[in-house]
Amino acid sequence: MVDTVIVESEQTPRPAISWSAVLAGAAVSGALTLALLALGAGLGFSVTNPWGGAAAPTTTKAATVAGIYLTVTAVLASAVGGYIAGRLRHLWPGVHHDEAFFRDTAHGVAAWAVATLAGAWLLGSLASGVAGGVLSHHAPMAGRDASAEFTDRLFAYDANQTQTGAARDYNSDRAAAGRMLARAVLPGATLTDDQRATLAAMVSARTGLPMPDAQRRVTIVENDARAAADLARRVGMQISFWLVAAMLAGALSAGLAAWEGGAVRDGRIRY
């Protein structure tokens, strides 16, 4: 009687994620994003220059157009990168379809995340650039000398006695006026009567305008500065929402495209 021994060949378990495929998809996604942003910059649709720093749009309409283009760019680039990540990942013998769907989707999202982080590192954060552009319109003088405000009050013009500006420091006057306007355009802030009178005296002394005309100029400039700051805040908020929407749309498209690429890789989908 002969005993028969059956030896089962065990396959080496495959890791659940293929980092080479993820990196390949992220590289393609990042390169395509760069190309589309360069095209958008040339067409006037993009919110950022891919070769330098970010520049915020100046109107809400421009912000909407730029946000739509940014979202389309994210969807296209992420979909291509996700498909490549799913198509290039290694086979998982014996893995259930539901598990394969999850892993493929994770590959796409991982490729999108790597491309996003790499883009933020190489090109600079878009959100920071937009926030910086907005803050430059209406932020207070962060880090300024704490005694500057008291110095401005000490050497302020006498509103009741306009002096000639020949002997005064012009740069000092501009700096003092800039600080007052910067504080005046903050949300809920405004120039006090004393500050308006001081600015009017400075304008009259420097330009030779009569005091009533100088006061009208101060009022016009204050209103224009406040309107520009409010517009910059609205544009910044709108671009921020579009940026979040573009990122979420990119992650979704990357995951779905990676699932399709993985299904083609396994033969579940045939073209």
C-alpha atoms as a PDB file:
ATOM      1  CA  MET A   1       0.000   0.000   0.000  1.00  0.00           C
ATOM      2  CA  VAL A   2       1.480   3.346  -1.092  1.00  0.00           C
ATOM      3  CA  ASP A   3       0.698   6.528   0.776  1.00  0.00           C
ATOM      4  CA  THR A   4       0.091   9.545  -1.412  1.00  0.00           C
ATOM      5  CA  VAL A   5       1.246  12.885  -0.064  1.00  0.00           C
ATOM      6  CA  ILE A   6      -0.360  15.965  -1.552  1.00  0.00           C
ATOM      7  CA  VAL A   7       1.756  19.084  -1.285  1.00  0.00           C
ATOM      8  CA  GLU A   8      -0.114  22.381  -1.763  1.00  0.00           C
ATOM      9  CA  SER A   9       1.882  25.140  -3.268  1.00  0.00           C
ATOM     10  CA  GLU A  10       1.419  28.323  -1.235  1.00  0.00           C
ATOM     11  CA  GLN A  11       1.669  31.626  -2.997  1.00  0.00           C
ATOM     12  CA  THR A  12       3.575  34.433  -1.391  1.00  0.00           C
ATOM     13  CA  PRO A  13       0.999  36.876  -0.001  1.00  0.00           C
ATOM     14  CA  ARG A  14       0.929  40.162  -1.891  1.00  0.00           C
ATOM     15  CA  PRO A  15       0.898  43.483  -0.021  1.00  0.00           C
ATOM     16  CA  ALA A  16      -2.385  45.311  -0.124  1.00  0.00           C
ATOM     17  CA  ILE A  17      -0.874  48.440  -1.657  1.00  0.00           C
ATOM     18  CA  SER A  18       1.544  48.896  -4.550  1.00  0.00           C
ATOM     19  CA  TRP A  19       3.553  51.978  -3.759  1.00  0.00           C
ATOM     20  CA  SER A  20       5.278  51.921  -7.119  1.00  0.00           C
ATOM     21  CA  ALA A  21       1.880  52.200  -8.816  1.00  0.00           C
ATOM     22  CA  VAL A  22       0.808  54.950  -6.403  1.00  0.00           C
ATOM     23  CA  LEU A  23       3.967  56.973  -7.069  1.00  0.00           C
ATOM     24  CA  ALA A  24       3.612  56.515 -10.816  1.00  0.00           C
ATOM     25  CA  GLY A  25       0.011  57.733 -10.724  1.00  0.00           C
ATOM     26  CA  ALA A  26       0.957  60.661  -8.486  1.00  0.00           C
ATOM     27  CA  ALA A  27       3.774  61.697 -10.829  1.00  0.00           C
ATOM     28  CA  VAL A  28       1.493  61.652 -13.857  1.00  0.00           C
ATOM     29  CA  SER A  29      -1.219  63.518 -11.957  1.00  0.00           C
ATOM     30  CA  GLY A  30       1.212  66.186 -10.771  1.00  0.00           C
ATOM     31  CA  ALA A  31       2.700  66.692 -14.233  1.00  0.00           C
ATOM     32  CA  LEU A  32      -0.728  66.959 -15.841  1.00  0.00           C
ATOM     33  CA  THR A  33      -1.846  69.408 -13.163  1.00  0.00           C
ATOM     34  CA  LEU A  34       1.201  71.565 -13.866  1.00  0.00           C
ATOM     35  CA  ALA A  35       0.481  71.522 -17.594  1.00  0.00           C
ATOM     36  CA  LEU A  36      -3.182  72.430 -17.127  1.00  0.00           C
ATOM     37  CA  LEU A  37      -2.358  75.225 -14.685  1.00  0.00           C
ATOM     38  CA  ALA A  38       0.181  76.621 -17.148  1.00  0.00           C
ATOM     39  CA  LEU A  39      -2.498  76.507 -19.847  1.00  0.00           C
ATOM     40  CA  GLY A  40      -4.990  78.166 -17.521  1.00  0.00           C
ATOM     41  CA  ALA A  41      -2.502  80.892 -16.651  1.00  0.00           C
ATOM     42  CA  GLY A  42      -2.093  81.613 -20.347  1.00  0.00           C
ATOM     43  CA  LEU A  43      -5.848  81.701 -20.895  1.00  0.00           C
ATOM     44  CA  GLY A  44      -6.469  83.802 -17.795  1.00  0.00           C
ATOM     45  CA  PHE A  45      -8.498  81.097 -16.010  1.00  0.00           C
ATOM     46  CA  SER A  46      -6.024  79.891 -13.418  1.00  0.00           C
ATOM     47  CA  VAL A  47      -5.783  81.144  -9.840  1.00  0.00           C
ATOM     48  CA  THR A  48      -2.065  80.517  -9.621  1.00  0.00           C
ATOM     49  CA  ASN A  49       1.066  80.800 -11.696  1.00  0.00           C
ATOM     50  CA  PRO A  50       2.685  77.324 -11.714  1.00  0.00           C
ATOM     51  CA  TRP A  51       6.142  78.830 -12.094  1.00  0.00           C
ATOM     52  CA  GLY A  52       5.912  81.147  -9.093  1.00  0.00           C
ATOM     53  CA  GLY A  53       3.680  82.365  -6.308  1.00  0.00           C
ATOM     54  CA  ALA A  54      -0.089  82.439  -6.193  1.00  0.00           C
ATOM     55  CA  ALA A  55      -2.110  85.475  -7.170  1.00  0.00           C
ATOM     56  CA  ALA A  56      -5.646  85.975  -6.009  1.00  0.00           C
ATOM     57  CA  PRO A  57      -8.319  87.093  -8.493  1.00  0.00           C
ATOM     58  CA  THR A  58      -9.522  90.649  -8.023  1.00  0.00           C
ATOM     59  CA  THR A  59     -13.285  90.148  -8.554  1.00  0.00           C
ATOM     60  CA  THR A  60     -15.838  87.590  -7.460  1.00  0.00           C
ATOM     61  CA  LYS A  61     -16.596  86.770 -11.097  1.00  0.00           C
ATOM     62  CA  ALA A  62     -12.915  86.082 -11.750  1.00  0.00           C
ATOM     63  CA  ALA A  63     -12.820  83.958  -8.601  1.00  0.00           C
ATOM     64  CA  THR A  64     -15.761  81.878  -9.861  1.00  0.00           C
ATOM     65  CA  VAL A  65     -14.171  81.319 -13.272  1.00  0.00           C
ATOM     66  CA  ALA A  66     -10.830  80.458 -11.667  1.00  0.00           C
ATOM     67  CA  GLY A  67     -12.514  78.101  -9.198  1.00  0.00           C
ATOM     68  CA  ILE A  68     -14.347  76.238 -11.944  1.00  0.00           C
ATOM     69  CA  TYR A  69     -11.149  75.850 -13.936  1.00  0.00           C
ATOM     70  CA  LEU A  70      -9.296  74.679 -10.834  1.00  0.00           C
ATOM     71  CA  THR A  71     -11.968  72.044 -10.185  1.00  0.00           C
ATOM     72  CA  VAL A  72     -11.884  70.803 -13.796  1.00  0.00           C
ATOM     73  CA  THR A  73      -8.086  70.619 -13.599  1.00  0.00           C
ATOM     74  CA  ALA A  74      -8.233  68.605 -10.383  1.00  0.00           C
ATOM     75  CA  VAL A  75     -10.797  66.161 -11.788  1.00  0.00           C
ATOM     76  CA  LEU A  76      -8.924  65.537 -15.056  1.00  0.00           C
ATOM     77  CA  ALA A  77      -5.451  65.218 -13.554  1.00  0.00           C
ATOM     78  CA  SER A  78      -6.594  63.103 -10.610  1.00  0.00           C
ATOM     79  CA  ALA A  79      -8.614  60.779 -12.837  1.00  0.00           C
ATOM     80  CA  VAL A  80      -5.645  60.084 -15.120  1.00  0.00           C
ATOM     81  CA  GLY A  81      -3.303  59.559 -12.167  1.00  0.00           C
ATOM     82  CA  GLY A  82      -5.789  57.329 -10.367  1.00  0.00           C
ATOM     83  CA  TYR A  83      -6.393  55.189 -13.453  1.00  0.00           C
ATOM     84  CA  ILE A  84      -2.664  54.655 -13.889  1.00  0.00           C
ATOM     85  CA  ALA A  85      -2.280  53.731 -10.205  1.00  0.00           C
ATOM     86  CA  GLY A  86      -5.080  51.157 -10.478  1.00  0.00           C
ATOM     87  CA  ARG A  87      -3.901  49.760 -13.788  1.00  0.00           C
ATOM     88  CA  LEU A  88      -0.273  49.327 -12.702  1.00  0.00           C
ATOM     89  CA  ARG A  89      -0.848  47.761  -9.287  1.00  0.00           C
ATOM     90  CA  HIS A  90       0.046  44.089  -8.917  1.00  0.00           C
ATOM     91  CA  LEU A  91      -2.493  41.279  -9.000  1.00  0.00           C
ATOM     92  CA  TRP A  92      -4.234  40.015  -5.876  1.00  0.00           C
ATOM     93  CA  PRO A  93      -5.096  36.337  -6.479  1.00  0.00           C
ATOM     94  CA  GLY A  94      -8.165  35.159  -4.609  1.00  0.00           C
ATOM     95  CA  VAL A  95      -9.197  38.612  -3.354  1.00  0.00           C
ATOM     96  CA  HIS A  96     -12.951  39.207  -3.258  1.00  0.00           C
ATOM     97  CA  HIS A  97     -14.392  41.822  -5.604  1.00  0.00           C
ATOM     98  CA  ASP A  98     -15.489  44.056  -2.736  1.00  0.00           C
ATOM     99  CA  GLU A  99     -12.010  43.983  -1.236  1.00  0.00           C
ATOM    100  CA  ALA A 100     -10.486  44.650  -4.657  1.00  0.00           C
ATOM    101  CA  PHE A 101     -12.833  47.638  -5.074  1.00  0.00           C
ATOM    102  CA  PHE A 102     -11.690  49.060  -1.744  1.00  0.00           C
ATOM    103  CA  ARG A 103      -8.005  48.522  -2.490  1.00  0.00           C
ATOM    104  CA  ASP A 104      -8.234  50.026  -5.962  1.00  0.00           C
ATOM    105  CA  THR A 105     -10.084  53.057  -4.623  1.00  0.00           C
ATOM    106  CA  ALA A 106      -7.475  53.440  -1.897  1.00  0.00           C
ATOM    107  CA  HIS A 107      -4.743  53.354  -4.546  1.00  0.00           C
ATOM    108  CA  GLY A 108      -6.388  56.211  -6.413  1.00  0.00           C
ATOM    109  CA  VAL A 109      -6.906  58.308  -3.284  1.00  0.00           C
ATOM    110  CA  ALA A 110      -3.318  57.625  -2.204  1.00  0.00           C
ATOM    111  CA  ALA A 111      -2.012  58.745  -5.605  1.00  0.00           C
ATOM    112  CA  TRP A 112      -4.130  61.908  -5.338  1.00  0.00           C
ATOM    113  CA  ALA A 113      -2.824  62.591  -1.820  1.00  0.00           C
ATOM    114  CA  VAL A 114       0.817  62.133  -2.813  1.00  0.00           C
ATOM    115  CA  ALA A 115       0.378  64.386  -5.848  1.00  0.00           C
ATOM    116  CA  THR A 116      -1.354  67.031  -3.724  1.00  0.00           C
ATOM    117  CA  LEU A 117       1.330  67.021  -1.042  1.00  0.00           C
ATOM    118  CA  ALA A 118       4.128  67.039  -3.603  1.00  0.00           C
ATOM    119  CA  GLY A 119       2.476  69.918  -5.467  1.00  0.00           C
ATOM    120  CA  ALA A 120       2.099  71.904  -2.263  1.00  0.00           C
ATOM    121  CA  TRP A 121       5.773  71.346  -1.478  1.00  0.00           C
ATOM    122  CA  LEU A 122       7.126  72.123  -4.951  1.00  0.00           C
ATOM    123  CA  LEU A 123       4.860  74.954  -6.046  1.00  0.00           C
ATOM    124  CA  GLY A 124       3.899  76.390  -2.696  1.00  0.00           C
ATOM    125  CA  SER A 125       0.553  76.094  -0.976  1.00  0.00           C
ATOM    126  CA  LEU A 126      -2.265  77.612  -3.029  1.00  0.00           C
ATOM    127  CA  ALA A 127      -4.327  78.325   0.065  1.00  0.00           C
ATOM    128  CA  SER A 128      -1.443  80.153   1.697  1.00  0.00           C
ATOM    129  CA  GLY A 129      -0.856  82.139  -1.474  1.00  0.00           C
ATOM    130  CA  VAL A 130      -4.486  83.162  -1.723  1.00  0.00           C
ATOM    131  CA  ALA A 131      -4.648  83.985   1.959  1.00  0.00           C
ATOM    132  CA  GLY A 132      -1.480  86.031   1.635  1.00  0.00           C
ATOM    133  CA  GLY A 133      -2.907  87.930  -1.321  1.00  0.00           C
ATOM    134  CA  VAL A 134      -6.092  88.657   0.570  1.00  0.00           C
ATOM    135  CA  LEU A 135      -4.328  89.669   3.767  1.00  0.00           C
ATOM    136  CA  SER A 136      -2.166  92.095   1.843  1.00  0.00           C
ATOM    137  CA  HIS A 137      -5.338  94.076   1.098  1.00  0.00           C
ATOM    138  CA  HIS A 138      -6.799  94.332   4.587  1.00  0.00           C
ATOM    139  CA  ALA A 139      -4.644  92.759   7.286  1.00  0.00           C
ATOM    140  CA  PRO A 140      -3.344  94.866  10.153  1.00  0.00           C
ATOM    141  CA  MET A 141       0.335  95.678  10.417  1.00  0.00           C
ATOM    142  CA  ALA A 142       1.348  92.389  12.043  1.00  0.00           C
ATOM    143  CA  GLY A 143       4.495  92.622  14.088  1.00  0.00           C
ATOM    144  CA  ARG A 144       4.652  96.431  13.964  1.00  0.00           C
ATOM    145  CA  ASP A 145       6.354  98.415  16.688  1.00  0.00           C
ATOM    146  CA  ALA A 146       3.940  98.699  19.602  1.00  0.00           C
ATOM    147  CA  SER A 147       4.960 102.322  20.210  1.00  0.00           C
ATOM    148  CA  ALA A 148       4.261 103.412  16.615  1.00  0.00           C
ATOM    149  CA  GLU A 149       0.596 104.127  17.294  1.00  0.00           C
ATOM    150  CA  PHE A 150       1.438 106.370  20.242  1.00  0.00           C
ATOM    151  CA  THR A 151       4.161 108.099  18.206  1.00  0.00           C
ATOM    152  CA  ASP A 152       1.609 108.825  15.493  1.00  0.00           C
ATOM    153  CA  ARG A 153      -0.689 110.396  18.082  1.00  0.00           C
ATOM    154  CA  LEU A 154       2.149 112.399  19.596  1.00  0.00           C
ATOM    155  CA  PHE A 155       3.335 113.914  16.331  1.00  0.00           C
ATOM    156  CA  ALA A 156      -0.073 114.133  14.660  1.00  0.00           C
ATOM    157  CA  TYR A 157      -0.950 117.280  12.758  1.00  0.00           C
ATOM    158  CA  ASP A 158      -2.924 119.967  14.520  1.00  0.00           C
ATOM    159  CA  ALA A 159      -6.272 119.769  12.731  1.00  0.00           C
ATOM    160  CA  ASN A 160      -6.967 123.418  13.534  1.00  0.00           C
ATOM    161  CA  GLN A 161      -3.689 124.745  12.198  1.00  0.00           C
ATOM    162  CA  THR A 162      -2.571 123.422   8.810  1.00  0.00           C
ATOM    163  CA  GLN A 163       1.199 123.554   8.454  1.00  0.00           C
ATOM    164  CA  THR A 164       3.302 123.551   5.349  1.00  0.00           C
ATOM    165  CA  GLY A 165       4.837 120.183   4.668  1.00  0.00           C
ATOM    166  CA  ALA A 166       8.173 121.418   3.374  1.00  0.00           C
ATOM    167  CA  ALA A 167      10.004 120.791   6.626  1.00  0.00           C
ATOM    168  CA  ARG A 168       8.223 117.520   7.485  1.00  0.00           C
ATOM    169  CA  ASP A 169       9.260 113.991   6.641  1.00  0.00           C
ATOM    170  CA  TYR A 170       7.118 112.825   3.691  1.00  0.00           C
ATOM    171  CA  ASN A 171       7.799 109.111   4.271  1.00  0.00           C
ATOM    172  CA  SER A 172       6.825 109.473   7.904  1.00  0.00           C
ATOM    173  CA  ASP A 173       3.513 111.049   6.899  1.00  0.00           C
ATOM    174  CA  ARG A 174       2.781 108.265   4.410  1.00  0.00           C
ATOM    175  CA  ALA A 175       3.611 105.593   6.993  1.00  0.00           C
ATOM    176  CA  ALA A 176       1.320 107.177   9.573  1.00  0.00           C
ATOM    177  CA  ALA A 177      -1.516 107.519   7.054  1.00  0.00           C
ATOM    178  CA  GLY A 178      -1.022 103.918   5.943  1.00  0.00           C
ATOM    179  CA  ARG A 179      -1.262 102.634   9.498  1.00  0.00           C
ATOM    180  CA  MET A 180      -4.472 104.555  10.109  1.00  0.00           C
ATOM    181  CA  LEU A 181      -6.059 103.282   6.895  1.00  0.00           C
ATOM    182  CA  ALA A 182      -4.918  99.713   7.602  1.00  0.00           C
ATOM    183  CA  ARG A 183      -6.697  99.784  10.946  1.00  0.00           C
ATOM    184  CA  ALA A 184      -9.756 101.504   9.478  1.00  0.00           C
ATOM    185  CA  VAL A 185     -10.481  98.781   6.901  1.00  0.00           C
ATOM    186  CA  LEU A 186     -10.629  95.964   9.431  1.00  0.00           C
ATOM    187  CA  PRO A 187     -14.129  94.438   9.855  1.00  0.00           C
ATOM    188  CA  GLY A 188     -16.219  96.685  12.085  1.00  0.00           C
ATOM    189  CA  ALA A 189     -13.538  99.396  12.302  1.00  0.00           C
ATOM    190  CA  THR A 190     -13.603 102.958  11.030  1.00  0.00           C
ATOM    191  CA  LEU A 191     -11.594 106.147  11.256  1.00  0.00           C
ATOM    192  CA  THR A 192     -12.332 108.322  14.258  1.00  0.00           C
ATOM    193  CA  ASP A 193     -13.111 112.002  13.837  1.00  0.00           C
ATOM    194  CA  ASP A 194      -9.653 112.899  15.162  1.00  0.00           C
ATOM    195  CA  GLN A 195      -7.994 110.554  12.667  1.00  0.00           C
ATOM    196  CA  ARG A 196      -9.987 112.002   9.774  1.00  0.00           C
ATOM    197  CA  ALA A 197      -9.052 115.506  10.862  1.00  0.00           C
ATOM    198  CA  THR A 198      -5.386 114.502  11.153  1.00  0.00           C
ATOM    199  CA  LEU A 199      -5.381 112.889   7.695  1.00  0.00           C
ATOM    200  CA  ALA A 200      -7.123 115.913   6.213  1.00  0.00           C
ATOM    201  CA  ALA A 201      -4.488 118.218   7.730  1.00  0.00           C
ATOM    202  CA  MET A 202      -1.701 116.013   6.334  1.00  0.00           C
ATOM    203  CA  VAL A 203      -3.296 115.985   2.867  1.00  0.00           C
ATOM    204  CA  SER A 204      -3.853 119.718   2.909  1.00  0.00           C
ATOM    205  CA  ALA A 205      -0.284 120.382   4.002  1.00  0.00           C
ATOM    206  CA  ARG A 206       1.187 118.109   1.349  1.00  0.00           C
ATOM    207  CA  THR A 207      -1.081 118.937  -1.592  1.00  0.00           C
ATOM    208  CA  GLY A 208      -2.088 122.518  -0.899  1.00  0.00           C
ATOM    209  CA  LEU A 209      -5.780 121.607  -1.048  1.00  0.00           C
ATOM    210  CA  PRO A 210      -8.187 123.637   1.065  1.00  0.00           C
ATOM    211  CA  MET A 211      -9.309 121.798   4.183  1.00  0.00           C
ATOM    212  CA  PRO A 212     -12.838 121.037   2.884  1.00  0.00           C
ATOM    213  CA  ASP A 213     -11.374 119.446  -0.264  1.00  0.00           C
ATOM    214  CA  ALA A 214      -8.809 117.540   1.784  1.00  0.00           C
ATOM    215  CA  GLN A 215     -11.564 116.194   4.042  1.00  0.00           C
ATOM    216  CA  ARG A 216     -13.554 115.038   1.028  1.00  0.00           C
ATOM    217  CA  ARG A 217     -10.477 113.284  -0.354  1.00  0.00           C
ATOM    218  CA  VAL A 218      -9.918 111.484   2.956  1.00  0.00           C
ATOM    219  CA  THR A 219     -13.541 110.311   2.962  1.00  0.00           C
ATOM    220  CA  ILE A 220     -13.309 109.039  -0.622  1.00  0.00           C
ATOM    221  CA  VAL A 221     -10.043 107.199  -0.016  1.00  0.00           C
ATOM    222  CA  GLU A 222     -11.364 105.647   3.190  1.00  0.00           C
ATOM    223  CA  ASN A 223     -14.500 104.371   1.449  1.00  0.00           C
ATOM    224  CA  ASP A 224     -12.518 103.025  -1.499  1.00  0.00           C
ATOM    225  CA  ALA A 225     -10.045 101.281   0.796  1.00  0.00           C
ATOM    226  CA  ARG A 226     -12.873  99.683   2.805  1.00  0.00           C
ATOM    227  CA  ALA A 227     -14.633  98.550  -0.386  1.00  0.00           C
ATOM    228  CA  ALA A 228     -11.395  97.017  -1.712  1.00  0.00           C
ATOM    229  CA  ALA A 229     -10.809  95.204   1.585  1.00  0.00           C
ATOM    230  CA  ASP A 230     -14.367  93.835   1.631  1.00  0.00           C
ATOM    231  CA  LEU A 231     -13.997  92.635  -1.961  1.00  0.00           C
ATOM    232  CA  ALA A 232     -10.684  90.965  -1.127  1.00  0.00           C
ATOM    233  CA  ARG A 233     -12.308  89.154   1.806  1.00  0.00           C
ATOM    234  CA  ARG A 234     -15.166  87.900  -0.365  1.00  0.00           C
ATOM    235  CA  VAL A 235     -12.781  86.755  -3.091  1.00  0.00           C
ATOM    236  CA  GLY A 236     -10.609  84.975  -0.547  1.00  0.00           C
ATOM    237  CA  MET A 237     -13.594  83.154   0.955  1.00  0.00           C
ATOM    238  CA  GLN A 238     -14.871  82.155  -2.474  1.00  0.00           C
ATOM    239  CA  ILE A 239     -11.500  80.826  -3.630  1.00  0.00           C
ATOM    240  CA  SER A 240     -11.126  78.895  -0.379  1.00  0.00           C
ATOM    241  CA  PHE A 241     -14.470  77.138  -0.937  1.00  0.00           C
ATOM    242  CA  TRP A 242     -13.546  76.375  -4.551  1.00  0.00           C
ATOM    243  CA  LEU A 243     -10.202  74.976  -3.428  1.00  0.00           C
ATOM    244  CA  VAL A 244     -11.897  72.580  -1.004  1.00  0.00           C
ATOM    245  CA  ALA A 245     -14.415  71.559  -3.680  1.00  0.00           C
ATOM    246  CA  ALA A 246     -11.608  70.952  -6.183  1.00  0.00           C
ATOM    247  CA  MET A 247      -9.704  68.777  -3.721  1.00  0.00           C
ATOM    248  CA  LEU A 248     -12.762  66.680  -2.864  1.00  0.00           C
ATOM    249  CA  ALA A 249     -13.659  66.293  -6.552  1.00  0.00           C
ATOM    250  CA  GLY A 250     -10.076  65.273  -7.316  1.00  0.00           C
ATOM    251  CA  ALA A 251     -10.055  62.631  -4.593  1.00  0.00           C
ATOM    252  CA  LEU A 252     -13.379  61.205  -5.793  1.00  0.00           C
ATOM    253  CA  SER A 253     -12.344  61.078  -9.441  1.00  0.00           C
ATOM    254  CA  ALA A 254      -8.996  59.500  -8.542  1.00  0.00           C
ATOM    255  CA  GLY A 255     -10.674  56.749  -6.522  1.00  0.00           C
ATOM    256  CA  LEU A 256     -13.233  55.910  -9.204  1.00  0.00           C
ATOM    257  CA  ALA A 257     -10.654  55.970 -11.986  1.00  0.00           C
ATOM    258  CA  ALA A 258      -8.347  53.711  -9.983  1.00  0.00           C
ATOM    259  CA  TRP A 259     -11.204  51.236  -9.485  1.00  0.00           C
ATOM    260  CA  GLU A 260     -11.767  51.163 -13.235  1.00  0.00           C
ATOM    261  CA  GLY A 261      -8.046  50.717 -13.899  1.00  0.00           C
ATOM    262  CA  GLY A 262      -7.887  47.886 -11.391  1.00  0.00           C
ATOM    263  CA  ALA A 263     -10.935  46.206 -12.919  1.00  0.00           C
ATOM    264  CA  VAL A 264      -9.268  46.320 -16.327  1.00  0.00           C
ATOM    265  CA  ARG A 265      -6.089  44.947 -14.749  1.00  0.00           C
ATOM    266  CA  ASP A 266      -8.002  41.962 -13.323  1.00  0.00           C
ATOM    267  CA  GLY A 267     -10.019  41.441 -16.495  1.00  0.00           C
ATOM    268  CA  ARG A 268     -13.357  42.281 -14.893  1.00  0.00           C
ATOM    269  CA  ILE A 269     -13.836  45.073 -17.444  1.00  0.00           C
ATOM    270  CA  ARG A 270     -12.862  44.717 -21.092  1.00  0.00           C
ATOM    271  CA  TYR A 271     -12.854  47.491 -23.660  1.00  0.00           C
END
